[in-house]
């Protein structure tokens, strides 16, 4: 780093006007949940377990008790999801978390290794009803309207002429080579679907007008993309994930689930994710057996939950493509 950049690196990356806007955004979010009687909770940032999602990597830290030779590996949380679900299994009602989470990997553009996440859970509703709640929350902090709710299948049929639930891997490979990159071959089915969606569908979802933000909800993802959501059948008897994503101006903003309540099924999914990480040559983290125990032994309620990137929402409101313009100090000034 040259001297000029060194001298400037102590300064904030965002303007005071943007930081003031951010403060109002955070206050507005808390006001919404206060009016809805949703309780704010804090969860541990350090844990002995980590996400085992094949596409998310955790930061590691060491706990070294004074006077001992012990060195215990801990992980910074990538989401407050697991402890929040343990609270729900123990009898907690509607809750939300608003704070920092950490993901190893990318920095710059729309990504920062630490960022602000909003996550909340509502009892007694499914993911379709939760979309109404997400819309209500965003409208409470900025002008927003829905531009539509579409099934994953409908978008694939309209844009690419193929049913994503029925197409063969060979058909998906051919479409990927035609629309994305002719050299791509031998990928996993979900990788083809992700590439087709992110390149051919996602950029056109939602928008921004003089009146404000416009969002598109996408639901009924393939069952193979269920993550921590339930699996159900769509109107045509095809197995789909009970989840949705919200896109605004081609940016994924929120990811919601009708939450899985089966502890045995959750354990199996964790173990499958660990196996996939091993196959990909990635570190295999320990999964949260406390969550599994909570689902098996507790009284986990019928509920839906959603995570939203607050930095991304602020970027959309501020009309910027750079995360450093909406946070006090980005990774390179930390």
Protein backbone atom coordinates (compact mmCIF):
# COMPACT_ATOMS: atom_id res chain seq x y z
CA UNK A 1 0.00 0.00 0.00
CA UNK A 2 1.47 3.36 -0.96
CA UNK A 3 1.73 6.29 1.46
CA UNK A 4 -1.29 8.10 0.01
CA UNK A 5 -3.55 5.08 0.50
CA UNK A 6 -2.08 4.46 3.95
CA UNK A 7 -2.90 8.00 5.04
CA UNK A 8 -6.50 7.63 3.84
CA UNK A 9 -7.14 4.15 5.22
CA UNK A 10 -8.01 5.45 8.70
CA UNK A 11 -11.05 7.28 7.33
CA UNK A 12 -14.50 5.67 7.13
CA UNK A 13 -15.47 4.08 3.84
CA UNK A 14 -19.06 5.38 4.01
CA UNK A 15 -20.19 9.00 4.14
CA UNK A 16 -21.84 10.36 7.27
CA UNK A 17 -25.04 10.81 5.27
CA UNK A 18 -25.07 7.07 4.51
CA UNK A 19 -24.25 6.19 8.12
CA UNK A 20 -27.14 8.36 9.27
CA UNK A 21 -29.40 6.56 6.79
CA UNK A 22 -28.14 3.24 8.16
CA UNK A 23 -28.93 4.29 11.71
CA UNK A 24 -32.49 5.15 10.66
CA UNK A 25 -32.79 1.80 8.87
CA UNK A 26 -31.76 -0.17 11.97
CA UNK A 27 -34.11 1.89 14.15
CA UNK A 28 -36.98 1.32 11.72
CA UNK A 29 -36.43 -2.44 11.76
CA UNK A 30 -36.50 -2.57 15.55
CA UNK A 31 -39.59 -0.35 15.63
CA UNK A 32 -41.38 -2.75 13.25
CA UNK A 33 -40.71 -5.77 15.42
CA UNK A 34 -41.52 -3.88 18.62
CA UNK A 35 -44.93 -2.99 17.16
CA UNK A 36 -45.40 -6.65 16.13
CA UNK A 37 -44.44 -7.88 19.64
CA UNK A 38 -41.47 -9.87 18.30
CA UNK A 39 -38.70 -10.23 20.88
CA UNK A 40 -35.10 -9.37 20.01
CA UNK A 41 -32.58 -12.02 21.08
CA UNK A 42 -28.81 -12.27 21.19
CA UNK A 43 -27.06 -15.54 20.34
CA UNK A 44 -23.43 -16.70 20.67
CA UNK A 45 -21.02 -15.51 18.01
CA UNK A 46 -18.52 -18.24 18.96
CA UNK A 47 -19.57 -21.88 18.83
CA UNK A 48 -18.06 -25.35 19.01
CA UNK A 49 -20.00 -26.24 15.87
CA UNK A 50 -20.31 -24.57 12.49
CA UNK A 51 -22.47 -24.57 9.42
CA UNK A 52 -21.73 -27.57 7.23
CA UNK A 53 -23.28 -25.99 4.14
CA UNK A 54 -20.95 -26.94 1.27
CA UNK A 55 -21.02 -23.38 -0.07
CA UNK A 56 -20.29 -21.46 3.15
CA UNK A 57 -16.95 -21.41 4.98
CA UNK A 58 -16.46 -20.44 8.62
CA UNK A 59 -13.78 -18.45 10.39
CA UNK A 60 -11.96 -20.43 13.09
CA UNK A 61 -10.72 -19.15 16.43
CA UNK A 62 -8.85 -20.78 19.33
CA UNK A 63 -9.87 -20.76 22.98
CA UNK A 64 -6.85 -21.18 25.26
CA UNK A 65 -7.79 -21.35 28.97
CA UNK A 66 -5.19 -19.60 31.11
CA UNK A 67 -2.79 -21.90 32.92
CA UNK A 68 -3.43 -24.86 30.61
CA UNK A 69 -2.08 -26.28 27.38
CA UNK A 70 -5.62 -26.65 26.01
CA UNK A 71 -6.38 -25.15 22.63
CA UNK A 72 -10.01 -25.58 21.62
CA UNK A 73 -11.19 -24.78 18.10
CA UNK A 74 -14.24 -22.53 17.91
CA UNK A 75 -16.13 -21.05 14.96
CA UNK A 76 -17.56 -17.59 14.35
CA UNK A 77 -21.22 -17.93 13.46
CA UNK A 78 -22.29 -17.55 9.83
CA UNK A 79 -25.91 -17.12 10.95
CA UNK A 80 -27.79 -17.06 14.27
CA UNK A 81 -30.13 -19.77 12.94
CA UNK A 82 -29.11 -22.76 15.06
CA UNK A 83 -29.27 -21.15 18.53
CA UNK A 84 -32.47 -19.31 17.56
CA UNK A 85 -34.08 -22.64 16.71
CA UNK A 86 -32.90 -24.05 20.03
CA UNK A 87 -34.70 -21.16 21.72
CA UNK A 88 -37.85 -22.00 19.76
CA UNK A 89 -37.58 -25.69 20.70
CA UNK A 90 -37.31 -24.63 24.35
CA UNK A 91 -40.60 -22.72 24.15
CA UNK A 92 -39.69 -19.20 22.95
CA UNK A 93 -42.26 -17.37 20.83
CA UNK A 94 -41.68 -14.98 17.88
CA UNK A 95 -38.07 -13.78 17.90
CA UNK A 96 -35.59 -11.80 15.79
CA UNK A 97 -31.83 -11.22 15.68
CA UNK A 98 -30.18 -8.12 14.22
CA UNK A 99 -26.41 -8.13 14.26
CA UNK A 100 -23.10 -9.20 12.79
CA UNK A 101 -22.30 -12.57 11.22
CA UNK A 102 -19.09 -13.82 9.62
CA UNK A 103 -18.33 -15.76 6.43
CA UNK A 104 -14.89 -16.60 5.14
CA UNK A 105 -14.15 -16.09 1.47
CA UNK A 106 -15.01 -12.98 -0.51
CA UNK A 107 -14.29 -9.31 0.16
CA UNK A 108 -15.10 -6.35 -2.07
CA UNK A 109 -18.04 -5.38 -4.26
CA UNK A 110 -21.21 -6.66 -2.56
CA UNK A 111 -19.36 -8.84 -0.03
CA UNK A 112 -17.65 -8.25 3.31
CA UNK A 113 -16.37 -11.07 5.57
CA UNK A 114 -18.45 -9.61 8.43
CA UNK A 115 -21.86 -8.21 7.66
CA UNK A 116 -25.20 -7.42 9.26
CA UNK A 117 -27.95 -10.00 9.15
CA UNK A 118 -31.57 -9.80 10.19
CA UNK A 119 -33.18 -13.14 10.98
CA UNK A 120 -36.61 -13.75 12.42
CA UNK A 121 -39.10 -16.53 13.14
CA UNK A 122 -42.88 -16.43 13.29
CA UNK A 123 -44.89 -19.21 14.89
CA UNK A 124 -47.95 -20.78 13.27
CA UNK A 125 -47.36 -19.63 9.69
CA UNK A 126 -45.81 -21.08 6.53
CA UNK A 127 -43.35 -19.53 4.08
CA UNK A 128 -46.10 -18.04 1.90
CA UNK A 129 -47.51 -16.12 4.87
CA UNK A 130 -43.98 -15.12 5.81
CA UNK A 131 -43.64 -13.36 2.44
CA UNK A 132 -46.40 -11.00 3.61
CA UNK A 133 -44.36 -10.27 6.74
CA UNK A 134 -41.19 -9.60 4.74
CA UNK A 135 -43.09 -7.17 2.53
CA UNK A 136 -44.49 -5.45 5.63
CA UNK A 137 -41.03 -5.09 7.16
CA UNK A 138 -39.45 -3.59 4.04
CA UNK A 139 -42.37 -1.22 3.51
CA UNK A 140 -41.91 0.04 7.04
CA UNK A 141 -38.39 1.29 6.26
CA UNK A 142 -38.48 2.25 2.54
CA UNK A 143 -40.98 2.53 -0.35
CA UNK A 144 -41.48 -1.01 -1.66
CA UNK A 145 -43.96 -3.01 -3.67
CA UNK A 146 -44.15 -6.59 -4.87
CA UNK A 147 -43.70 -7.19 -8.59
CA UNK A 148 -44.87 -10.79 -8.36
CA UNK A 149 -44.56 -14.21 -6.74
CA UNK A 150 -43.43 -17.01 -9.04
CA UNK A 151 -42.55 -20.65 -8.65
CA UNK A 152 -39.01 -21.69 -9.53
CA UNK A 153 -40.50 -23.98 -12.16
CA UNK A 154 -42.55 -21.23 -13.82
CA UNK A 155 -39.48 -19.05 -14.28
CA UNK A 156 -37.42 -21.90 -15.75
CA UNK A 157 -40.19 -22.84 -18.16
CA UNK A 158 -40.68 -19.22 -19.28
CA UNK A 159 -36.99 -18.31 -19.60
CA UNK A 160 -35.39 -21.62 -20.62
CA UNK A 161 -38.25 -23.86 -21.75
CA UNK A 162 -37.47 -26.65 -19.28
CA UNK A 163 -39.00 -28.08 -16.11
CA UNK A 164 -36.19 -27.94 -13.50
CA UNK A 165 -37.79 -30.76 -11.50
CA UNK A 166 -38.00 -33.18 -14.44
CA UNK A 167 -35.10 -32.24 -16.75
CA UNK A 168 -32.22 -34.71 -16.94
CA UNK A 169 -28.70 -33.76 -15.90
CA UNK A 170 -27.71 -33.98 -19.55
CA UNK A 171 -30.41 -31.46 -20.54
CA UNK A 172 -29.27 -29.07 -17.81
CA UNK A 173 -25.64 -29.45 -18.89
CA UNK A 174 -26.57 -28.65 -22.49
CA UNK A 175 -28.53 -25.55 -21.43
CA UNK A 176 -25.63 -24.39 -19.26
CA UNK A 177 -23.20 -24.81 -22.15
CA UNK A 178 -25.58 -22.90 -24.43
CA UNK A 179 -26.45 -20.01 -22.12
CA UNK A 180 -23.54 -19.74 -19.65
CA UNK A 181 -20.24 -21.34 -20.68
CA UNK A 182 -19.65 -23.93 -23.40
CA UNK A 183 -16.75 -25.48 -21.46
CA UNK A 184 -18.78 -26.44 -18.37
CA UNK A 185 -19.34 -30.19 -17.99
CA UNK A 186 -19.53 -32.88 -15.33
CA UNK A 187 -21.04 -30.62 -12.66
CA UNK A 188 -23.53 -31.61 -9.98
CA UNK A 189 -27.20 -31.11 -10.83
CA UNK A 190 -27.67 -28.24 -8.36
CA UNK A 191 -24.62 -26.47 -9.79
CA UNK A 192 -26.20 -26.46 -13.25
CA UNK A 193 -29.47 -25.17 -11.82
CA UNK A 194 -27.67 -22.45 -9.87
CA UNK A 195 -25.68 -21.33 -12.90
CA UNK A 196 -28.76 -21.19 -15.11
CA UNK A 197 -30.79 -19.34 -12.50
CA UNK A 198 -28.09 -16.80 -11.58
CA UNK A 199 -27.15 -16.05 -15.20
CA UNK A 200 -30.44 -16.31 -17.09
CA UNK A 201 -33.18 -15.53 -14.56
CA UNK A 202 -31.95 -13.68 -11.49
CA UNK A 203 -30.70 -10.47 -13.20
CA UNK A 204 -34.23 -9.65 -14.41
CA UNK A 205 -35.98 -10.17 -11.06
CA UNK A 206 -37.29 -7.07 -9.34
CA UNK A 207 -36.20 -3.51 -9.99
CA UNK A 208 -36.19 0.08 -8.90
CA UNK A 209 -38.44 2.91 -10.05
CA UNK A 210 -38.86 6.54 -9.08
CA UNK A 211 -41.44 5.33 -6.56
CA UNK A 212 -39.06 2.92 -4.82
CA UNK A 213 -37.94 -0.71 -4.77
CA UNK A 214 -39.78 -3.57 -6.49
CA UNK A 215 -39.34 -7.16 -5.40
CA UNK A 216 -40.01 -10.62 -6.82
CA UNK A 217 -40.51 -13.69 -4.62
CA UNK A 218 -39.43 -17.08 -5.98
CA UNK A 219 -40.74 -20.20 -4.22
CA UNK A 220 -40.93 -24.00 -4.61
CA UNK A 221 -37.24 -24.57 -5.18
CA UNK A 222 -36.16 -28.14 -6.09
CA UNK A 223 -36.23 -30.59 -3.18
CA UNK A 224 -32.46 -31.01 -3.55
CA UNK A 225 -32.11 -27.35 -2.46
CA UNK A 226 -34.14 -27.76 0.72
CA UNK A 227 -31.32 -26.70 3.12
CA UNK A 228 -33.16 -26.45 6.48
CA UNK A 229 -36.68 -26.21 5.06
CA UNK A 230 -39.43 -28.82 4.80
CA UNK A 231 -40.07 -30.79 1.64
CA UNK A 232 -43.61 -30.83 0.26
CA UNK A 233 -45.45 -31.47 -3.01
CA UNK A 234 -46.48 -28.75 -5.44
CA UNK A 235 -49.83 -28.73 -7.23
CA UNK A 236 -48.50 -31.22 -9.78
CA UNK A 237 -47.27 -33.73 -7.22
CA UNK A 238 -43.58 -32.85 -7.61
CA UNK A 239 -41.42 -32.70 -4.48
CA UNK A 240 -40.25 -29.16 -3.77
CA UNK A 241 -38.60 -27.22 -0.96
CA UNK A 242 -40.93 -25.17 1.24
CA UNK A 243 -38.84 -22.04 0.89
CA UNK A 244 -38.57 -18.74 -0.98
CA UNK A 245 -36.06 -16.09 -1.95
CA UNK A 246 -36.71 -12.39 -2.49
CA UNK A 247 -34.96 -10.54 -5.31
CA UNK A 248 -34.81 -6.78 -5.82
CA UNK A 249 -33.11 -5.32 -8.88
CA UNK A 250 -31.49 -8.69 -9.58
CA UNK A 251 -30.07 -8.95 -6.05
CA UNK A 252 -30.99 -11.77 -3.65
CA UNK A 253 -32.09 -10.04 -0.45
CA UNK A 254 -33.89 -12.62 1.72
CA UNK A 255 -34.13 -16.39 2.06
CA UNK A 256 -37.09 -17.89 3.95
CA UNK A 257 -38.16 -21.38 5.02
CA UNK A 258 -41.13 -23.25 6.38
CA UNK A 259 -38.82 -24.72 9.00
CA UNK A 260 -37.93 -28.39 9.22
CA UNK A 261 -39.00 -29.81 12.60
CA UNK A 262 -37.76 -33.40 12.22
CA UNK A 263 -34.55 -33.91 14.22
CA UNK A 264 -33.66 -37.20 12.54
CA UNK A 265 -34.07 -35.69 9.08
CA UNK A 266 -32.01 -32.66 10.12
CA UNK A 267 -29.19 -34.90 11.35
CA UNK A 268 -29.19 -36.81 8.07
CA UNK A 269 -29.01 -33.56 6.07
CA UNK A 270 -26.07 -32.36 8.19
CA UNK A 271 -24.25 -35.64 7.59
CA UNK A 272 -24.95 -35.44 3.85
CA UNK A 273 -23.53 -31.90 3.78
CA UNK A 274 -20.41 -33.07 5.62
CA UNK A 275 -19.95 -35.83 3.05
CA UNK A 276 -20.30 -33.32 0.22
CA UNK A 277 -17.73 -30.99 1.82
CA UNK A 278 -15.32 -33.92 2.10
CA UNK A 279 -15.87 -34.84 -1.54
CA UNK A 280 -15.20 -31.23 -2.57
CA UNK A 281 -11.97 -31.20 -0.58
CA UNK A 282 -13.25 -28.58 1.87
CA UNK A 283 -12.78 -28.58 5.66
CA UNK A 284 -15.39 -30.77 7.33
CA UNK A 285 -16.79 -28.85 10.29
CA UNK A 286 -18.68 -30.38 13.24
CA UNK A 287 -22.43 -29.86 12.90
CA UNK A 288 -24.63 -28.50 15.69
CA UNK A 289 -25.71 -31.60 17.62
CA UNK A 290 -27.42 -29.32 20.16
CA UNK A 291 -29.83 -28.24 17.43
CA UNK A 292 -30.46 -31.86 16.48
CA UNK A 293 -31.12 -32.69 20.15
CA UNK A 294 -33.46 -29.71 20.45
CA UNK A 295 -35.48 -30.84 17.43
CA UNK A 296 -35.63 -34.43 18.70
CA UNK A 297 -36.31 -33.74 22.37
CA UNK A 298 -37.90 -30.30 22.51
CA UNK A 299 -41.25 -28.98 21.34
CA UNK A 300 -40.21 -27.28 18.13
CA UNK A 301 -43.20 -25.27 16.89
CA UNK A 302 -44.69 -25.07 13.42
CA UNK A 303 -43.01 -21.90 12.19
CA UNK A 304 -41.39 -20.05 9.32
CA UNK A 305 -38.13 -18.12 9.40
CA UNK A 306 -36.22 -15.79 7.13
CA UNK A 307 -32.75 -14.24 6.91
CA UNK A 308 -32.16 -10.87 5.24
CA UNK A 309 -28.92 -9.08 4.38
CA UNK A 310 -29.22 -5.59 5.84
CA UNK A 311 -26.14 -4.25 4.06
CA UNK A 312 -27.70 -5.34 0.75
CA UNK A 313 -31.00 -3.68 1.63
CA UNK A 314 -29.15 -0.48 2.48
CA UNK A 315 -27.20 -0.72 -0.82
CA UNK A 316 -30.47 -1.00 -2.73
CA UNK A 317 -31.91 1.97 -0.86
CA UNK A 318 -28.74 4.03 -1.45
CA UNK A 319 -28.46 2.93 -5.11
CA UNK A 320 -24.88 1.71 -4.81
CA UNK A 321 -23.16 -1.49 -5.94
CA UNK A 322 -20.44 -1.27 -3.28
CA UNK A 323 -20.89 -2.50 0.27
CA UNK A 324 -18.10 -0.23 1.51
CA UNK A 325 -20.36 2.76 0.86
CA UNK A 326 -22.92 1.66 3.46
CA UNK A 327 -20.70 0.42 6.33
CA UNK A 328 -18.35 2.52 8.50
CA UNK A 329 -15.19 0.54 7.69
CA UNK A 330 -15.01 -2.15 5.04
CA UNK A 331 -12.69 -5.17 5.30
CA UNK A 332 -9.73 -3.33 3.75
CA UNK A 333 -9.93 -0.59 6.40
CA UNK A 334 -10.71 -2.87 9.33
